[in-house]
Amino acid sequence: MGEIPSEDSSAQMSGAEGSQQMPAAGDAYFVGWCDETLNADCYFRLLDVSATDAALLLCEFNPAEHTVEAGRLAGGVVGTHDPAKLILEFEDLARAVPKRRALVQWLQEARARGLPYNDWIDRYVIITRPVGAEGTEAPSERQDRRLARLRELGGEARKAGEDAWQFSAGRRGALARLIREESDAGRPMAKAADVRRDLARAAEREMKGNL
């Protein structure tokens, strides 16, 4: 597991069985370290992260490199935070309210419940502003992202009148899939009417920029 030191700590890298300490460096280095060591960028892109994987990540463990047995890390691994309590709480929530949850939603649950976790993820969210992080995605960014995603799914926005837009679904039902993705990820303004409005505003802004 990687350990992130305080600002005055010096960089040190030890062997495979030792700890890895990330030097107090700039934001770009920090994000790169988290992506390399924890696969943070990958997990933040997922729409559905399991309760156990989320708990491990919040305690600065890479789920791909650590296994859990009976709610605890196997092999006697010790980190700055023991994920056992988070695993217990998150698995209980997953049973009580079963639904898909992105990593940022698990983070919000931990904050709301006052559960202990490693603060690497708070800094990462502040720097990278992953989709779904409360208060981090500006409306224009959300609108542009949704229009880009619609196109990735095979859809398109077309002007249908002075104040009207039409959205082609494409062969894969792009618009319906986009709405479902936004809703499943627990993102704000995810109702069908809100998503359509965002798409129209992004397309209108794009058209004006191309004039």
N, C-alpha and C. Protein backbone atom coordinates (compact mmCIF):
# COMPACT_ATOMS: atom_id res chain seq x y z
N MET A 1 0.83 -1.18 0.00
CA MET A 1 0.00 0.00 0.00
C MET A 1 0.87 1.23 0.00
N GLY A 2 0.44 2.29 -0.65
CA GLY A 2 1.18 3.53 -0.64
C GLY A 2 0.76 4.39 0.51
N GLU A 3 1.70 5.10 1.10
CA GLU A 3 1.39 5.99 2.20
C GLU A 3 1.75 7.41 1.81
N ILE A 4 0.82 8.31 1.96
CA ILE A 4 1.04 9.70 1.59
C ILE A 4 1.50 10.47 2.82
N PRO A 5 2.70 11.01 2.81
CA PRO A 5 3.25 11.68 3.99
C PRO A 5 2.74 13.10 4.11
N SER A 6 3.10 13.73 5.19
CA SER A 6 2.74 15.12 5.40
C SER A 6 3.59 16.00 4.52
N GLU A 7 3.27 17.31 4.49
CA GLU A 7 3.93 18.23 3.58
C GLU A 7 5.44 18.29 3.77
N ASP A 8 5.92 18.07 5.01
CA ASP A 8 7.35 18.21 5.25
C ASP A 8 8.09 16.88 5.17
N SER A 9 7.38 15.84 4.72
CA SER A 9 8.03 14.54 4.60
C SER A 9 8.86 14.48 3.34
N SER A 10 9.91 13.73 3.39
CA SER A 10 10.75 13.57 2.20
C SER A 10 10.32 12.34 1.44
N ALA A 11 10.67 12.29 0.16
CA ALA A 11 10.29 11.15 -0.68
C ALA A 11 11.11 9.94 -0.30
N GLN A 12 10.47 8.77 -0.28
CA GLN A 12 11.23 7.55 -0.07
C GLN A 12 10.48 6.40 -0.71
N MET A 13 11.24 5.58 -1.42
CA MET A 13 10.68 4.41 -2.04
C MET A 13 11.48 3.21 -1.56
N SER A 14 10.78 2.20 -1.06
CA SER A 14 11.47 1.02 -0.57
C SER A 14 11.11 -0.16 -1.44
N GLY A 15 11.55 -1.33 -1.03
CA GLY A 15 11.33 -2.53 -1.82
C GLY A 15 9.87 -2.92 -1.87
N ALA A 16 9.60 -4.02 -2.58
CA ALA A 16 8.23 -4.45 -2.82
C ALA A 16 7.49 -4.74 -1.53
N GLU A 17 8.22 -5.18 -0.49
CA GLU A 17 7.56 -5.54 0.75
C GLU A 17 7.49 -4.37 1.72
N GLY A 18 8.11 -3.27 1.38
CA GLY A 18 8.05 -2.10 2.25
C GLY A 18 6.96 -1.16 1.83
N SER A 19 6.94 0.02 2.43
CA SER A 19 5.92 1.00 2.09
C SER A 19 6.44 1.92 1.01
N GLN A 20 5.50 2.56 0.31
CA GLN A 20 5.84 3.56 -0.67
C GLN A 20 5.34 4.90 -0.15
N GLN A 21 6.21 5.86 -0.05
CA GLN A 21 5.79 7.17 0.39
C GLN A 21 5.89 8.14 -0.77
N MET A 22 4.80 8.86 -0.97
CA MET A 22 4.79 9.83 -2.05
C MET A 22 5.34 11.14 -1.54
N PRO A 23 6.31 11.75 -2.25
CA PRO A 23 6.86 13.02 -1.79
C PRO A 23 5.83 14.13 -1.84
N ALA A 24 5.97 15.09 -0.94
CA ALA A 24 5.09 16.25 -0.95
C ALA A 24 5.41 17.07 -2.18
N ALA A 25 4.64 16.88 -3.23
CA ALA A 25 4.92 17.54 -4.50
C ALA A 25 3.67 18.25 -4.97
N GLY A 26 3.67 18.71 -6.22
CA GLY A 26 2.56 19.43 -6.76
C GLY A 26 1.36 18.55 -7.04
N ASP A 27 0.27 19.20 -7.43
CA ASP A 27 -0.97 18.48 -7.65
C ASP A 27 -0.84 17.42 -8.74
N ALA A 28 -0.14 17.75 -9.83
CA ALA A 28 -0.02 16.81 -10.93
C ALA A 28 0.69 15.53 -10.49
N TYR A 29 1.74 15.69 -9.68
CA TYR A 29 2.47 14.51 -9.19
C TYR A 29 1.58 13.68 -8.27
N PHE A 30 0.86 14.38 -7.41
CA PHE A 30 -0.04 13.71 -6.47
C PHE A 30 -1.08 12.87 -7.21
N VAL A 31 -1.73 13.47 -8.20
CA VAL A 31 -2.76 12.76 -8.96
C VAL A 31 -2.14 11.58 -9.70
N GLY A 32 -0.95 11.78 -10.29
CA GLY A 32 -0.28 10.70 -10.98
C GLY A 32 0.06 9.54 -10.05
N TRP A 33 0.48 9.89 -8.84
CA TRP A 33 0.81 8.85 -7.85
C TRP A 33 -0.44 8.06 -7.47
N CYS A 34 -1.54 8.75 -7.24
CA CYS A 34 -2.79 8.08 -6.88
C CYS A 34 -3.29 7.20 -8.02
N ASP A 35 -3.18 7.68 -9.24
CA ASP A 35 -3.63 6.89 -10.38
C ASP A 35 -2.77 5.64 -10.57
N GLU A 36 -1.46 5.79 -10.36
CA GLU A 36 -0.55 4.67 -10.53
C GLU A 36 -0.66 3.66 -9.40
N THR A 37 -0.74 4.14 -8.17
CA THR A 37 -0.71 3.27 -7.00
C THR A 37 -2.08 2.68 -6.65
N LEU A 38 -3.14 3.48 -6.82
CA LEU A 38 -4.47 3.07 -6.39
C LEU A 38 -5.44 2.85 -7.55
N ASN A 39 -4.99 3.12 -8.78
CA ASN A 39 -5.91 3.07 -9.93
C ASN A 39 -7.08 4.03 -9.72
N ALA A 40 -6.81 5.17 -9.10
CA ALA A 40 -7.87 6.10 -8.74
C ALA A 40 -8.67 6.56 -9.94
N ASP A 41 -7.99 6.90 -11.03
CA ASP A 41 -8.71 7.40 -12.20
C ASP A 41 -9.67 6.36 -12.75
N CYS A 42 -9.26 5.10 -12.73
CA CYS A 42 -10.10 4.01 -13.21
C CYS A 42 -11.34 3.85 -12.33
N TYR A 43 -11.13 3.80 -11.01
CA TYR A 43 -12.26 3.58 -10.11
C TYR A 43 -13.23 4.76 -10.12
N PHE A 44 -12.74 5.98 -10.31
CA PHE A 44 -13.64 7.13 -10.36
C PHE A 44 -14.47 7.15 -11.64
N ARG A 45 -14.04 6.44 -12.67
CA ARG A 45 -14.82 6.38 -13.90
C ARG A 45 -15.94 5.35 -13.84
N LEU A 46 -15.82 4.39 -12.93
CA LEU A 46 -16.81 3.32 -12.85
C LEU A 46 -18.13 3.83 -12.29
N LEU A 47 -19.23 3.34 -12.87
CA LEU A 47 -20.55 3.70 -12.38
C LEU A 47 -20.98 2.84 -11.20
N ASP A 48 -20.32 1.70 -11.03
CA ASP A 48 -20.71 0.78 -9.96
C ASP A 48 -19.46 0.22 -9.29
N VAL A 49 -19.20 0.67 -8.07
CA VAL A 49 -18.06 0.20 -7.28
C VAL A 49 -18.62 -0.56 -6.09
N SER A 50 -18.11 -1.76 -5.83
CA SER A 50 -18.64 -2.57 -4.73
C SER A 50 -18.34 -1.93 -3.38
N ALA A 51 -19.10 -2.32 -2.38
CA ALA A 51 -18.92 -1.78 -1.03
C ALA A 51 -17.52 -2.07 -0.52
N THR A 52 -17.04 -3.29 -0.74
CA THR A 52 -15.71 -3.66 -0.25
C THR A 52 -14.62 -2.89 -0.97
N ASP A 53 -14.71 -2.79 -2.28
CA ASP A 53 -13.69 -2.05 -3.04
C ASP A 53 -13.68 -0.58 -2.62
N ALA A 54 -14.85 0.00 -2.42
CA ALA A 54 -14.92 1.40 -2.01
C ALA A 54 -14.27 1.61 -0.65
N ALA A 55 -14.54 0.70 0.28
CA ALA A 55 -13.95 0.81 1.61
C ALA A 55 -12.43 0.72 1.55
N LEU A 56 -11.92 -0.20 0.75
CA LEU A 56 -10.48 -0.34 0.61
C LEU A 56 -9.87 0.94 0.03
N LEU A 57 -10.49 1.47 -1.01
CA LEU A 57 -9.96 2.68 -1.64
C LEU A 57 -9.97 3.86 -0.68
N LEU A 58 -11.03 4.02 0.07
CA LEU A 58 -11.11 5.14 1.01
C LEU A 58 -10.06 5.02 2.11
N CYS A 59 -9.55 3.81 2.33
CA CYS A 59 -8.50 3.62 3.33
C CYS A 59 -7.13 3.50 2.67
N GLU A 60 -7.04 3.88 1.39
CA GLU A 60 -5.78 3.95 0.65
C GLU A 60 -5.20 2.58 0.32
N PHE A 61 -6.07 1.62 0.02
CA PHE A 61 -5.65 0.31 -0.45
C PHE A 61 -6.19 0.10 -1.86
N ASN A 62 -5.37 -0.45 -2.73
CA ASN A 62 -5.81 -0.78 -4.08
C ASN A 62 -6.51 -2.14 -4.05
N PRO A 63 -7.81 -2.18 -4.37
CA PRO A 63 -8.54 -3.46 -4.31
C PRO A 63 -7.95 -4.53 -5.20
N ALA A 64 -7.25 -4.13 -6.26
CA ALA A 64 -6.65 -5.12 -7.17
C ALA A 64 -5.46 -5.82 -6.53
N GLU A 65 -4.93 -5.27 -5.45
CA GLU A 65 -3.73 -5.82 -4.84
C GLU A 65 -3.96 -6.38 -3.44
N HIS A 66 -5.17 -6.25 -2.92
CA HIS A 66 -5.45 -6.71 -1.56
C HIS A 66 -6.76 -7.48 -1.53
N THR A 67 -6.78 -8.56 -0.77
CA THR A 67 -7.99 -9.36 -0.62
C THR A 67 -8.55 -9.20 0.77
N VAL A 68 -9.85 -9.42 0.88
CA VAL A 68 -10.55 -9.28 2.15
C VAL A 68 -11.12 -10.62 2.56
N GLU A 69 -10.88 -11.01 3.81
CA GLU A 69 -11.42 -12.25 4.35
C GLU A 69 -12.17 -11.94 5.62
N ALA A 70 -13.44 -12.33 5.65
CA ALA A 70 -14.30 -12.08 6.82
C ALA A 70 -14.29 -10.61 7.21
N GLY A 71 -14.32 -9.75 6.21
CA GLY A 71 -14.41 -8.32 6.47
C GLY A 71 -13.11 -7.65 6.84
N ARG A 72 -12.01 -8.38 6.77
CA ARG A 72 -10.71 -7.78 7.11
C ARG A 72 -9.68 -8.09 6.03
N LEU A 73 -8.65 -7.25 5.96
CA LEU A 73 -7.59 -7.47 4.99
C LEU A 73 -6.85 -8.76 5.30
N ALA A 74 -6.61 -9.53 4.25
CA ALA A 74 -5.85 -10.77 4.42
C ALA A 74 -4.37 -10.45 4.54
N GLY A 75 -3.64 -11.29 5.22
CA GLY A 75 -2.19 -11.17 5.29
C GLY A 75 -1.68 -10.23 6.35
N GLY A 76 -2.54 -9.75 7.22
CA GLY A 76 -2.10 -8.88 8.30
C GLY A 76 -1.56 -7.54 7.85
N VAL A 77 -1.99 -7.07 6.70
CA VAL A 77 -1.54 -5.77 6.20
C VAL A 77 -2.07 -4.66 7.09
N VAL A 78 -1.22 -3.72 7.41
CA VAL A 78 -1.62 -2.60 8.27
C VAL A 78 -1.42 -1.30 7.52
N GLY A 79 -2.40 -0.44 7.55
CA GLY A 79 -2.30 0.87 6.90
C GLY A 79 -2.65 1.97 7.87
N THR A 80 -2.77 3.19 7.35
CA THR A 80 -3.10 4.31 8.22
C THR A 80 -4.53 4.23 8.73
N HIS A 81 -5.41 3.54 7.99
CA HIS A 81 -6.78 3.34 8.42
C HIS A 81 -7.18 1.89 8.17
N ASP A 82 -7.83 1.29 9.15
CA ASP A 82 -8.32 -0.08 9.02
C ASP A 82 -9.66 -0.04 8.29
N PRO A 83 -9.78 -0.69 7.14
CA PRO A 83 -11.03 -0.63 6.38
C PRO A 83 -12.16 -1.48 6.94
N ALA A 84 -11.91 -2.24 8.03
CA ALA A 84 -12.91 -3.17 8.53
C ALA A 84 -14.24 -2.48 8.86
N LYS A 85 -14.18 -1.31 9.52
CA LYS A 85 -15.41 -0.62 9.90
C LYS A 85 -16.14 -0.11 8.66
N LEU A 86 -15.39 0.43 7.71
CA LEU A 86 -16.01 0.90 6.49
C LEU A 86 -16.66 -0.24 5.71
N ILE A 87 -15.97 -1.38 5.64
CA ILE A 87 -16.53 -2.54 4.95
C ILE A 87 -17.85 -2.94 5.59
N LEU A 88 -17.86 -3.00 6.93
CA LEU A 88 -19.07 -3.38 7.66
C LEU A 88 -20.22 -2.42 7.37
N GLU A 89 -19.94 -1.12 7.45
CA GLU A 89 -20.97 -0.10 7.24
C GLU A 89 -21.44 -0.09 5.78
N PHE A 90 -20.50 -0.14 4.85
CA PHE A 90 -20.86 -0.08 3.44
C PHE A 90 -21.64 -1.31 2.99
N GLU A 91 -21.23 -2.50 3.46
CA GLU A 91 -21.94 -3.71 3.08
C GLU A 91 -23.36 -3.71 3.65
N ASP A 92 -23.52 -3.17 4.86
CA ASP A 92 -24.85 -3.05 5.45
C ASP A 92 -25.73 -2.13 4.62
N LEU A 93 -25.17 -0.99 4.18
CA LEU A 93 -25.91 -0.05 3.35
C LEU A 93 -26.27 -0.68 2.01
N ALA A 94 -25.35 -1.43 1.43
CA ALA A 94 -25.61 -2.08 0.14
C ALA A 94 -26.74 -3.09 0.24
N ARG A 95 -26.85 -3.76 1.38
CA ARG A 95 -27.95 -4.71 1.57
C ARG A 95 -29.27 -3.98 1.83
N ALA A 96 -29.20 -2.92 2.62
CA ALA A 96 -30.42 -2.20 2.99
C ALA A 96 -31.00 -1.40 1.83
N VAL A 97 -30.11 -0.78 1.05
CA VAL A 97 -30.54 0.04 -0.09
C VAL A 97 -29.73 -0.40 -1.30
N PRO A 98 -30.09 -1.52 -1.90
CA PRO A 98 -29.31 -2.04 -3.03
C PRO A 98 -29.46 -1.18 -4.28
N LYS A 99 -28.37 -0.67 -4.77
CA LYS A 99 -28.34 0.07 -6.03
C LYS A 99 -26.88 0.25 -6.44
N ARG A 100 -26.67 0.66 -7.67
CA ARG A 100 -25.31 0.92 -8.11
C ARG A 100 -24.82 2.23 -7.50
N ARG A 101 -23.56 2.22 -7.02
CA ARG A 101 -22.98 3.42 -6.43
C ARG A 101 -21.58 3.65 -7.00
N ALA A 102 -21.34 4.86 -7.46
CA ALA A 102 -20.00 5.23 -7.91
C ALA A 102 -19.14 5.52 -6.68
N LEU A 103 -17.83 5.58 -6.88
CA LEU A 103 -16.92 5.80 -5.75
C LEU A 103 -17.22 7.10 -5.03
N VAL A 104 -17.54 8.15 -5.78
CA VAL A 104 -17.81 9.43 -5.14
C VAL A 104 -19.06 9.35 -4.26
N GLN A 105 -20.01 8.48 -4.60
CA GLN A 105 -21.19 8.32 -3.75
C GLN A 105 -20.84 7.61 -2.44
N TRP A 106 -19.93 6.64 -2.51
CA TRP A 106 -19.47 5.99 -1.28
C TRP A 106 -18.74 7.00 -0.39
N LEU A 107 -17.96 7.87 -1.01
CA LEU A 107 -17.27 8.91 -0.25
C LEU A 107 -18.27 9.82 0.45
N GLN A 108 -19.33 10.19 -0.25
CA GLN A 108 -20.35 11.03 0.35
C GLN A 108 -21.05 10.33 1.51
N GLU A 109 -21.25 9.02 1.38
CA GLU A 109 -21.86 8.25 2.48
C GLU A 109 -20.93 8.25 3.70
N ALA A 110 -19.64 8.06 3.47
CA ALA A 110 -18.69 8.05 4.58
C ALA A 110 -18.68 9.40 5.30
N ARG A 111 -18.71 10.47 4.54
CA ARG A 111 -18.74 11.81 5.14
C ARG A 111 -20.00 12.02 5.94
N ALA A 112 -21.15 11.64 5.36
CA ALA A 112 -22.43 11.85 6.02
C ALA A 112 -22.54 11.07 7.33
N ARG A 113 -21.91 9.91 7.39
CA ARG A 113 -21.98 9.05 8.56
C ARG A 113 -20.83 9.28 9.54
N GLY A 114 -19.91 10.16 9.18
CA GLY A 114 -18.77 10.43 10.06
C GLY A 114 -17.83 9.25 10.19
N LEU A 115 -17.70 8.46 9.13
CA LEU A 115 -16.84 7.28 9.18
C LEU A 115 -15.39 7.67 8.88
N PRO A 116 -14.43 7.04 9.53
CA PRO A 116 -13.01 7.37 9.30
C PRO A 116 -12.51 6.83 7.97
N TYR A 117 -11.73 7.65 7.27
CA TYR A 117 -11.10 7.22 6.03
C TYR A 117 -9.87 8.09 5.80
N ASN A 118 -9.02 7.65 4.87
CA ASN A 118 -7.79 8.38 4.58
C ASN A 118 -8.10 9.61 3.72
N ASP A 119 -7.50 10.74 4.04
CA ASP A 119 -7.86 11.98 3.35
C ASP A 119 -7.21 12.15 1.98
N TRP A 120 -6.52 11.12 1.46
CA TRP A 120 -5.99 11.24 0.10
C TRP A 120 -7.12 11.52 -0.88
N ILE A 121 -8.27 10.89 -0.63
CA ILE A 121 -9.37 10.97 -1.59
C ILE A 121 -10.00 12.36 -1.60
N ASP A 122 -9.98 13.04 -0.47
CA ASP A 122 -10.50 14.41 -0.42
C ASP A 122 -9.65 15.33 -1.30
N ARG A 123 -8.33 15.21 -1.17
CA ARG A 123 -7.44 16.04 -1.98
C ARG A 123 -7.59 15.70 -3.46
N TYR A 124 -7.72 14.42 -3.76
CA TYR A 124 -7.86 13.99 -5.15
C TYR A 124 -9.12 14.56 -5.77
N VAL A 125 -10.21 14.54 -5.02
CA VAL A 125 -11.48 15.07 -5.52
C VAL A 125 -11.38 16.58 -5.76
N ILE A 126 -10.75 17.28 -4.84
CA ILE A 126 -10.60 18.73 -4.99
C ILE A 126 -9.82 19.07 -6.25
N ILE A 127 -8.79 18.29 -6.54
CA ILE A 127 -7.93 18.57 -7.69
C ILE A 127 -8.59 18.15 -9.00
N THR A 128 -9.12 16.94 -9.04
CA THR A 128 -9.59 16.38 -10.31
C THR A 128 -11.06 16.63 -10.58
N ARG A 129 -11.82 16.94 -9.55
CA ARG A 129 -13.25 17.20 -9.71
C ARG A 129 -13.94 16.11 -10.52
N PRO A 130 -13.93 14.87 -10.04
CA PRO A 130 -14.57 13.79 -10.78
C PRO A 130 -16.08 14.00 -10.90
N VAL A 131 -16.65 13.46 -11.94
CA VAL A 131 -18.08 13.60 -12.16
C VAL A 131 -18.86 13.06 -10.97
N GLY A 132 -19.84 13.84 -10.51
CA GLY A 132 -20.67 13.41 -9.41
C GLY A 132 -20.24 13.94 -8.07
N ALA A 133 -19.03 14.48 -7.97
CA ALA A 133 -18.58 15.04 -6.70
C ALA A 133 -19.38 16.29 -6.40
N GLU A 134 -20.00 16.34 -5.23
CA GLU A 134 -20.90 17.43 -4.88
C GLU A 134 -20.20 18.77 -4.98
N GLY A 135 -20.81 19.67 -5.73
CA GLY A 135 -20.31 21.03 -5.82
C GLY A 135 -19.07 21.20 -6.68
N THR A 136 -18.67 20.18 -7.42
CA THR A 136 -17.42 20.30 -8.16
C THR A 136 -17.63 20.46 -9.66
N GLU A 137 -18.80 20.09 -10.20
CA GLU A 137 -19.02 20.17 -11.63
C GLU A 137 -19.93 21.35 -11.94
N ALA A 138 -19.39 22.33 -12.62
CA ALA A 138 -20.18 23.51 -12.99
C ALA A 138 -21.26 23.10 -13.99
N PRO A 139 -22.39 23.83 -14.03
CA PRO A 139 -23.46 23.49 -14.96
C PRO A 139 -23.00 23.38 -16.41
N SER A 140 -22.17 24.33 -16.85
CA SER A 140 -21.70 24.28 -18.24
C SER A 140 -20.84 23.05 -18.49
N GLU A 141 -20.06 22.64 -17.49
CA GLU A 141 -19.23 21.44 -17.63
C GLU A 141 -20.12 20.20 -17.72
N ARG A 142 -21.16 20.17 -16.88
CA ARG A 142 -22.09 19.04 -16.91
C ARG A 142 -22.78 18.97 -18.27
N GLN A 143 -23.21 20.11 -18.78
CA GLN A 143 -23.89 20.14 -20.08
C GLN A 143 -22.98 19.66 -21.20
N ASP A 144 -21.75 20.16 -21.23
CA ASP A 144 -20.81 19.76 -22.28
C ASP A 144 -20.47 18.28 -22.17
N ARG A 145 -20.31 17.79 -20.95
CA ARG A 145 -19.98 16.38 -20.75
C ARG A 145 -21.12 15.50 -21.26
N ARG A 146 -22.34 15.90 -20.97
CA ARG A 146 -23.48 15.08 -21.39
C ARG A 146 -23.62 15.07 -22.92
N LEU A 147 -23.39 16.19 -23.56
CA LEU A 147 -23.46 16.22 -25.02
C LEU A 147 -22.36 15.34 -25.63
N ALA A 148 -21.16 15.40 -25.05
CA ALA A 148 -20.07 14.57 -25.54
C ALA A 148 -20.39 13.09 -25.36
N ARG A 149 -21.00 12.76 -24.22
CA ARG A 149 -21.34 11.36 -23.95
C ARG A 149 -22.45 10.88 -24.90
N LEU A 150 -23.43 11.74 -25.18
CA LEU A 150 -24.48 11.38 -26.13
C LEU A 150 -23.87 10.99 -27.47
N ARG A 151 -22.90 11.76 -27.91
CA ARG A 151 -22.26 11.48 -29.19
C ARG A 151 -21.44 10.20 -29.13
N GLU A 152 -20.79 9.96 -27.98
CA GLU A 152 -20.05 8.71 -27.82
C GLU A 152 -20.98 7.50 -27.97
N LEU A 153 -22.22 7.67 -27.52
CA LEU A 153 -23.19 6.59 -27.56
C LEU A 153 -23.90 6.48 -28.91
N GLY A 154 -23.56 7.37 -29.84
CA GLY A 154 -24.12 7.30 -31.17
C GLY A 154 -25.26 8.24 -31.45
N GLY A 155 -25.56 9.14 -30.52
CA GLY A 155 -26.64 10.10 -30.71
C GLY A 155 -26.11 11.44 -31.21
N GLU A 156 -27.04 12.38 -31.46
CA GLU A 156 -26.66 13.70 -31.93
C GLU A 156 -27.76 14.70 -31.62
N ALA A 157 -27.39 15.97 -31.51
CA ALA A 157 -28.34 17.05 -31.28
C ALA A 157 -28.52 17.85 -32.56
N ARG A 158 -29.78 18.13 -32.90
CA ARG A 158 -30.07 18.88 -34.13
C ARG A 158 -31.07 19.98 -33.83
N LYS A 159 -30.84 21.14 -34.42
CA LYS A 159 -31.72 22.28 -34.25
C LYS A 159 -33.04 21.99 -34.96
N ALA A 160 -34.15 22.17 -34.22
CA ALA A 160 -35.47 21.87 -34.79
C ALA A 160 -36.35 23.11 -34.87
N GLY A 161 -35.85 24.23 -34.49
CA GLY A 161 -36.62 25.47 -34.48
C GLY A 161 -35.83 26.53 -33.77
N GLU A 162 -36.42 27.70 -33.63
CA GLU A 162 -35.69 28.80 -33.00
C GLU A 162 -35.24 28.47 -31.59
N ASP A 163 -36.11 27.83 -30.83
CA ASP A 163 -35.78 27.50 -29.44
C ASP A 163 -35.95 26.01 -29.16
N ALA A 164 -35.86 25.20 -30.19
CA ALA A 164 -36.10 23.76 -30.00
C ALA A 164 -34.95 22.93 -30.56
N TRP A 165 -34.68 21.83 -29.86
CA TRP A 165 -33.66 20.88 -30.30
C TRP A 165 -34.24 19.48 -30.30
N GLN A 166 -33.77 18.68 -31.22
CA GLN A 166 -34.12 17.26 -31.26
C GLN A 166 -32.86 16.44 -31.03
N PHE A 167 -33.03 15.28 -30.39
CA PHE A 167 -31.88 14.44 -30.07
C PHE A 167 -32.11 13.06 -30.67
N SER A 168 -31.29 12.73 -31.66
CA SER A 168 -31.41 11.41 -32.27
C SER A 168 -30.85 10.37 -31.32
N ALA A 169 -31.53 9.25 -31.26
CA ALA A 169 -31.13 8.21 -30.31
C ALA A 169 -30.02 7.33 -30.85
N GLY A 170 -29.84 7.32 -32.16
CA GLY A 170 -28.85 6.41 -32.72
C GLY A 170 -29.34 4.97 -32.66
N ARG A 171 -28.53 4.07 -33.08
CA ARG A 171 -28.94 2.66 -33.12
C ARG A 171 -28.97 2.02 -31.75
N ARG A 172 -28.32 2.62 -30.78
CA ARG A 172 -28.20 1.99 -29.46
C ARG A 172 -29.04 2.70 -28.40
N GLY A 173 -29.99 3.53 -28.81
CA GLY A 173 -30.80 4.22 -27.81
C GLY A 173 -29.95 5.14 -26.96
N ALA A 174 -29.18 5.99 -27.62
CA ALA A 174 -28.17 6.80 -26.93
C ALA A 174 -28.78 7.69 -25.86
N LEU A 175 -29.87 8.38 -26.16
CA LEU A 175 -30.44 9.31 -25.19
C LEU A 175 -30.95 8.59 -23.95
N ALA A 176 -31.67 7.50 -24.15
CA ALA A 176 -32.19 6.73 -23.02
C ALA A 176 -31.05 6.17 -22.17
N ARG A 177 -30.00 5.74 -22.84
CA ARG A 177 -28.86 5.19 -22.10
C ARG A 177 -28.15 6.27 -21.30
N LEU A 178 -28.01 7.46 -21.90
CA LEU A 178 -27.37 8.57 -21.19
C LEU A 178 -28.17 8.93 -19.95
N ILE A 179 -29.48 9.04 -20.08
CA ILE A 179 -30.33 9.37 -18.93
C ILE A 179 -30.20 8.32 -17.85
N ARG A 180 -30.18 7.06 -18.25
CA ARG A 180 -30.06 5.97 -17.29
C ARG A 180 -28.71 6.02 -16.57
N GLU A 181 -27.64 6.29 -17.31
CA GLU A 181 -26.31 6.38 -16.70
C GLU A 181 -26.26 7.50 -15.66
N GLU A 182 -26.81 8.65 -16.00
CA GLU A 182 -26.79 9.79 -15.08
C GLU A 182 -27.58 9.47 -13.81
N SER A 183 -28.72 8.83 -13.98
CA SER A 183 -29.56 8.48 -12.83
C SER A 183 -28.90 7.41 -11.97
N ASP A 184 -28.37 6.37 -12.61
CA ASP A 184 -27.74 5.27 -11.86
C ASP A 184 -26.53 5.74 -11.07
N ALA A 185 -25.83 6.75 -11.59
CA ALA A 185 -24.65 7.26 -10.91
C ALA A 185 -25.01 8.25 -9.79
N GLY A 186 -26.31 8.54 -9.63
CA GLY A 186 -26.74 9.44 -8.57
C GLY A 186 -26.34 10.88 -8.80
N ARG A 187 -26.19 11.26 -10.06
CA ARG A 187 -25.75 12.62 -10.37
C ARG A 187 -26.92 13.60 -10.28
N PRO A 188 -26.62 14.85 -9.95
CA PRO A 188 -27.69 15.85 -9.86
C PRO A 188 -28.26 16.17 -11.23
N MET A 189 -29.52 16.67 -11.23
CA MET A 189 -30.18 17.07 -12.47
C MET A 189 -30.18 15.91 -13.46
N ALA A 190 -30.62 14.73 -13.00
CA ALA A 190 -30.53 13.53 -13.84
C ALA A 190 -31.88 13.08 -14.39
N LYS A 191 -32.95 13.85 -14.16
CA LYS A 191 -34.24 13.49 -14.75
C LYS A 191 -34.17 13.72 -16.26
N ALA A 192 -35.05 13.04 -17.00
CA ALA A 192 -35.01 13.11 -18.45
C ALA A 192 -35.11 14.56 -18.94
N ALA A 193 -36.02 15.33 -18.35
CA ALA A 193 -36.18 16.72 -18.78
C ALA A 193 -34.93 17.54 -18.51
N ASP A 194 -34.25 17.27 -17.38
CA ASP A 194 -33.03 18.00 -17.04
C ASP A 194 -31.90 17.66 -18.02
N VAL A 195 -31.79 16.38 -18.35
CA VAL A 195 -30.74 15.96 -19.28
C VAL A 195 -30.98 16.57 -20.67
N ARG A 196 -32.22 16.55 -21.11
CA ARG A 196 -32.54 17.16 -22.40
C ARG A 196 -32.22 18.65 -22.41
N ARG A 197 -32.55 19.31 -21.32
CA ARG A 197 -32.28 20.75 -21.22
C ARG A 197 -30.77 21.01 -21.26
N ASP A 198 -30.01 20.18 -20.56
CA ASP A 198 -28.55 20.33 -20.58
C ASP A 198 -28.00 20.13 -21.99
N LEU A 199 -28.50 19.12 -22.68
CA LEU A 199 -28.03 18.85 -24.04
C LEU A 199 -28.32 20.02 -24.96
N ALA A 200 -29.52 20.59 -24.81
CA ALA A 200 -29.90 21.72 -25.66
C ALA A 200 -29.00 22.92 -25.40
N ARG A 201 -28.72 23.19 -24.14
CA ARG A 201 -27.87 24.34 -23.81
C ARG A 201 -26.45 24.15 -24.29
N ALA A 202 -25.93 22.92 -24.16
CA ALA A 202 -24.57 22.65 -24.65
C ALA A 202 -24.50 22.78 -26.17
N ALA A 203 -25.51 22.25 -26.85
CA ALA A 203 -25.53 22.32 -28.30
C ALA A 203 -25.68 23.76 -28.79
N GLU A 204 -26.52 24.53 -28.09
CA GLU A 204 -26.71 25.94 -28.45
C GLU A 204 -25.41 26.72 -28.27
N ARG A 205 -24.73 26.47 -27.17
CA ARG A 205 -23.46 27.15 -26.90
C ARG A 205 -22.42 26.74 -27.96
N GLU A 206 -22.40 25.49 -28.30
CA GLU A 206 -21.45 25.01 -29.31
C GLU A 206 -21.74 25.65 -30.67
N MET A 207 -23.03 25.75 -31.04
CA MET A 207 -23.39 26.32 -32.33
C MET A 207 -22.99 27.79 -32.40
N LYS A 208 -23.22 28.54 -31.31
CA LYS A 208 -22.86 29.95 -31.29
C LYS A 208 -21.35 30.13 -31.37
N GLY A 209 -20.61 29.21 -30.76
CA GLY A 209 -19.16 29.30 -30.80
C GLY A 209 -18.59 29.02 -32.17
N ASN A 210 -19.36 28.30 -32.99
CA ASN A 210 -18.89 27.96 -34.33
C ASN A 210 -19.26 28.99 -35.39
N LEU A 211 -20.09 29.99 -34.98
CA LEU A 211 -20.49 31.02 -35.95
C LEU A 211 -19.36 31.99 -36.26
